[in-house]
C-alpha atoms as a PDB file:
ATOM      1  CA  MET A   1     -22.193  44.902  34.914  1.00  0.00           C
ATOM      2  CA  GLY A   2     -24.415  47.780  33.914  1.00  0.00           C
ATOM      3  CA  LEU A   3     -26.921  45.271  32.534  1.00  0.00           C
ATOM      4  CA  ILE A   4     -27.271  43.845  36.031  1.00  0.00           C
ATOM      5  CA  ASP A   5     -27.430  46.926  38.253  1.00  0.00           C
ATOM      6  CA  GLY A   6     -28.522  49.611  35.780  1.00  0.00           C
ATOM      7  CA  SER A   7     -25.469  51.792  36.451  1.00  0.00           C
ATOM      8  CA  PRO A   8     -23.421  53.301  33.636  1.00  0.00           C
ATOM      9  CA  ARG A   9     -20.688  51.041  32.374  1.00  0.00           C
ATOM     10  CA  SER A  10     -17.456  51.348  34.324  1.00  0.00           C
ATOM     11  CA  ALA A  11     -14.993  50.405  31.588  1.00  0.00           C
ATOM     12  CA  ASN A  12     -14.363  50.456  27.869  1.00  0.00           C
ATOM     13  CA  VAL A  13     -12.455  47.886  25.871  1.00  0.00           C
ATOM     14  CA  VAL A  14     -10.523  47.836  22.636  1.00  0.00           C
ATOM     15  CA  ALA A  15     -10.053  44.562  20.748  1.00  0.00           C
ATOM     16  CA  SER A  16      -6.417  43.643  20.206  1.00  0.00           C
ATOM     17  CA  GLU A  17      -7.338  41.596  17.131  1.00  0.00           C
ATOM     18  CA  ALA A  18     -10.255  41.199  14.743  1.00  0.00           C
ATOM     19  CA  CYS A  19     -13.346  39.777  16.437  1.00  0.00           C
ATOM     20  CA  GLU A  20     -17.115  39.519  16.183  1.00  0.00           C
ATOM     21  CA  LEU A  21     -19.388  41.178  18.710  1.00  0.00           C
ATOM     22  CA  MET A  22     -22.937  40.491  19.756  1.00  0.00           C
ATOM     23  CA  VAL A  23     -25.294  43.230  20.904  1.00  0.00           C
ATOM     24  CA  LEU A  24     -27.759  42.138  23.564  1.00  0.00           C
ATOM     25  CA  SER A  25     -30.520  44.332  24.978  1.00  0.00           C
ATOM     26  CA  LYS A  26     -31.044  44.492  28.729  1.00  0.00           C
ATOM     27  CA  GLU A  27     -34.413  42.761  28.337  1.00  0.00           C
ATOM     28  CA  ALA A  28     -32.952  39.908  26.268  1.00  0.00           C
ATOM     29  CA  PHE A  29     -30.112  39.515  28.773  1.00  0.00           C
ATOM     30  CA  GLN A  30     -32.508  39.324  31.724  1.00  0.00           C
ATOM     31  CA  ARG A  31     -34.749  36.871  29.866  1.00  0.00           C
ATOM     32  CA  CYS A  32     -31.708  34.714  29.102  1.00  0.00           C
ATOM     33  CA  LEU A  33     -30.774  34.619  32.802  1.00  0.00           C
ATOM     34  CA  GLN A  34     -34.344  33.782  33.846  1.00  0.00           C
ATOM     35  CA  ASP A  35     -34.712  31.015  31.273  1.00  0.00           C
ATOM     36  CA  ASN A  36     -31.242  29.453  31.626  1.00  0.00           C
ATOM     37  CA  PHE A  37     -30.057  28.534  35.109  1.00  0.00           C
ATOM     38  CA  GLN A  38     -26.678  27.387  33.768  1.00  0.00           C
ATOM     39  CA  VAL A  39     -26.054  30.788  32.155  1.00  0.00           C
ATOM     40  CA  ALA A  40     -27.022  32.567  35.391  1.00  0.00           C
ATOM     41  CA  GLN A  41     -24.796  30.237  37.411  1.00  0.00           C
ATOM     42  CA  LYS A  42     -21.843  30.773  35.058  1.00  0.00           C
ATOM     43  CA  LEU A  43     -22.337  34.543  35.287  1.00  0.00           C
ATOM     44  CA  MET A  44     -22.322  34.303  39.091  1.00  0.00           C
ATOM     45  CA  GLN A  45     -19.092  32.286  38.974  1.00  0.00           C
ATOM     46  CA  ILE A  46     -17.482  34.922  36.748  1.00  0.00           C
ATOM     47  CA  LEU A  47     -18.623  37.748  39.034  1.00  0.00           C
ATOM     48  CA  VAL A  48     -17.329  35.903  42.121  1.00  0.00           C
ATOM     49  CA  ARG A  49     -13.961  35.368  40.392  1.00  0.00           C
ATOM     50  CA  ARG A  50     -13.798  39.059  39.491  1.00  0.00           C
ATOM     51  CA  LEU A  51     -14.675  40.046  43.056  1.00  0.00           C
ATOM     52  CA  ARG A  52     -11.911  37.800  44.401  1.00  0.00           C
ATOM     53  CA  GLU A  53      -9.458  39.336  41.908  1.00  0.00           C
ATOM     54  CA  ALA A  54     -10.514  42.824  43.001  1.00  0.00           C
ATOM     55  CA  ASP A  55     -10.006  41.851  46.656  1.00  0.00           C
ATOM     56  CA  ARG A  56      -6.556  40.500  45.831  1.00  0.00           C
ATOM     57  CA  ASN A  57      -5.658  43.671  43.912  1.00  0.00           C
ATOM     58  CA  ILE A  58      -6.779  45.847  46.819  1.00  0.00           C
ATOM     59  CA  GLU A  59      -4.694  43.713  49.172  1.00  0.00           C
ATOM     60  CA  SER A  60      -1.677  44.050  46.866  1.00  0.00           C
ATOM     61  CA  LEU A  61      -2.034  47.823  46.647  1.00  0.00           C
ATOM     62  CA  ALA A  62      -2.357  48.103  50.419  1.00  0.00           C
ATOM     63  CA  LEU A  63       0.292  45.615  51.529  1.00  0.00           C
ATOM     64  CA  LEU A  64       2.877  45.122  48.769  1.00  0.00           C
ATOM     65  CA  ASP A  65       5.470  47.522  47.438  1.00  0.00           C
ATOM     66  CA  VAL A  66       5.946  47.898  43.674  1.00  0.00           C
ATOM     67  CA  TYR A  67       8.448  45.006  43.600  1.00  0.00           C
ATOM     68  CA  GLY A  68       5.897  42.730  45.232  1.00  0.00           C
ATOM     69  CA  ARG A  69       3.105  43.892  42.943  1.00  0.00           C
ATOM     70  CA  VAL A  70       5.217  43.328  39.806  1.00  0.00           C
ATOM     71  CA  ALA A  71       6.255  39.885  41.074  1.00  0.00           C
ATOM     72  CA  ARG A  72       2.663  38.928  41.880  1.00  0.00           C
ATOM     73  CA  LEU A  73       1.472  40.155  38.467  1.00  0.00           C
ATOM     74  CA  LEU A  74       4.143  38.127  36.670  1.00  0.00           C
ATOM     75  CA  LEU A  75       3.189  35.010  38.639  1.00  0.00           C
ATOM     76  CA  ASP A  76      -0.502  35.601  37.893  1.00  0.00           C
ATOM     77  CA  LEU A  77       0.176  36.010  34.152  1.00  0.00           C
ATOM     78  CA  ALA A  78       2.594  33.079  33.904  1.00  0.00           C
ATOM     79  CA  GLU A  79       1.719  29.688  32.467  1.00  0.00           C
ATOM     80  CA  GLU A  80       3.355  26.367  33.266  1.00  0.00           C
ATOM     81  CA  ASP A  81       5.453  25.159  30.332  1.00  0.00           C
ATOM     82  CA  GLY A  82       7.919  22.306  30.553  1.00  0.00           C
ATOM     83  CA  GLY A  83       8.517  22.804  34.255  1.00  0.00           C
ATOM     84  CA  GLN A  84       8.966  26.553  33.889  1.00  0.00           C
ATOM     85  CA  ARG A  85       6.645  29.463  34.619  1.00  0.00           C
ATOM     86  CA  ILE A  86       6.534  31.682  31.523  1.00  0.00           C
ATOM     87  CA  VAL A  87       4.629  34.862  30.721  1.00  0.00           C
ATOM     88  CA  LYS A  88       3.963  34.167  27.045  1.00  0.00           C
ATOM     89  CA  LYS A  89       1.524  36.956  26.301  1.00  0.00           C
ATOM     90  CA  LYS A  90       3.350  40.134  25.364  1.00  0.00           C
ATOM     91  CA  ILE A  91       2.355  42.874  27.763  1.00  0.00           C
ATOM     92  CA  SER A  92       3.722  46.403  27.711  1.00  0.00           C
ATOM     93  CA  LYS A  93       5.287  47.961  30.766  1.00  0.00           C
ATOM     94  CA  GLN A  94       2.648  50.698  30.509  1.00  0.00           C
ATOM     95  CA  ASP A  95      -0.123  48.083  30.746  1.00  0.00           C
ATOM     96  CA  MET A  96       1.657  46.404  33.658  1.00  0.00           C
ATOM     97  CA  ALA A  97       1.939  49.769  35.390  1.00  0.00           C
ATOM     98  CA  ARG A  98      -1.788  50.397  34.951  1.00  0.00           C
ATOM     99  CA  MET A  99      -2.610  46.958  36.315  1.00  0.00           C
ATOM    100  CA  ILE A 100      -0.610  47.429  39.521  1.00  0.00           C
ATOM    101  CA  GLY A 101      -0.984  51.154  40.155  1.00  0.00           C
ATOM    102  CA  ALA A 102       2.590  52.205  39.411  1.00  0.00           C
ATOM    103  CA  SER A 103       4.452  54.274  36.840  1.00  0.00           C
ATOM    104  CA  ARG A 104       5.880  52.760  33.658  1.00  0.00           C
ATOM    105  CA  GLU A 105       9.316  53.946  34.711  1.00  0.00           C
ATOM    106  CA  MET A 106       9.070  52.149  38.049  1.00  0.00           C
ATOM    107  CA  VAL A 107       7.880  48.935  36.381  1.00  0.00           C
ATOM    108  CA  SER A 108      10.846  49.150  33.977  1.00  0.00           C
ATOM    109  CA  LYS A 109      13.229  49.606  36.921  1.00  0.00           C
ATOM    110  CA  VAL A 110      11.736  46.684  38.839  1.00  0.00           C
ATOM    111  CA  MET A 111      11.828  44.405  35.770  1.00  0.00           C
ATOM    112  CA  ARG A 112      15.469  45.352  35.164  1.00  0.00           C
ATOM    113  CA  ASP A 113      16.313  44.710  38.847  1.00  0.00           C
ATOM    114  CA  LEU A 114      14.504  41.348  38.826  1.00  0.00           C
ATOM    115  CA  GLU A 115      16.439  40.319  35.718  1.00  0.00           C
ATOM    116  CA  LEU A 116      19.816  41.481  37.075  1.00  0.00           C
ATOM    117  CA  SER A 117      19.102  39.662  40.355  1.00  0.00           C
ATOM    118  CA  GLY A 118      18.404  36.410  38.498  1.00  0.00           C
ATOM    119  CA  TYR A 119      14.699  36.134  39.291  1.00  0.00           C
ATOM    120  CA  ILE A 120      13.511  36.481  35.693  1.00  0.00           C
ATOM    121  CA  VAL A 121      14.843  36.231  32.148  1.00  0.00           C
ATOM    122  CA  CYS A 122      13.311  38.427  29.449  1.00  0.00           C
ATOM    123  CA  GLU A 123      13.768  37.007  25.952  1.00  0.00           C
ATOM    124  CA  ASN A 124      11.759  36.580  22.751  1.00  0.00           C
ATOM    125  CA  ASN A 125       8.918  38.765  24.088  1.00  0.00           C
ATOM    126  CA  GLN A 126       8.478  36.367  27.004  1.00  0.00           C
ATOM    127  CA  VAL A 127       9.328  36.514  30.686  1.00  0.00           C
ATOM    128  CA  ILE A 128      10.687  33.320  32.231  1.00  0.00           C
ATOM    129  CA  ILE A 129      10.329  33.211  36.009  1.00  0.00           C
ATOM    130  CA  LEU A 130      13.285  31.405  37.542  1.00  0.00           C
ATOM    131  CA  GLY A 131      12.873  29.306  40.669  1.00  0.00           C
ATOM    132  CA  ALA A 132       9.078  29.529  40.678  1.00  0.00           C
END
C-alpha cells in the first residue's frame, strides 16, 4: 500500500515456506499500472476486497463476543469438502487470537467449549465444523 500512497509500510511478512520474491521500484509499479488497465483493475479489486474484510473485522470486534469472533473466523477459513466445512490449513491458537483481537488462552477455551458442545471436531490438524 505504501507504493500507492507514499506512507511507510504498515505490515511485515514472513514466508512460511521457501519462495521467490520480486523487487519492484515505485516508478516501475506506477508505470505498470498506467500501461496495464487489467493490472490496475485487479489491484483495485484486491484493495476493495481488503477494505470489505477490514469493515467486517471492525464489525466483528464491535458487535461479537470472542465466541462469535472465533466461530466467524473458523467459517471464513473453512473450505467445502465432501459436504463438510473443514479448516484444512493448520493455524495456531496464537495466530487465531491475533486475527480476532483476543488472548491465546481465551481462543483455547472457546475452541475447547465449541468441541465439547459438538459444534466442531478437531482432528489431524484440521477443524471440522459440524452442522454448517
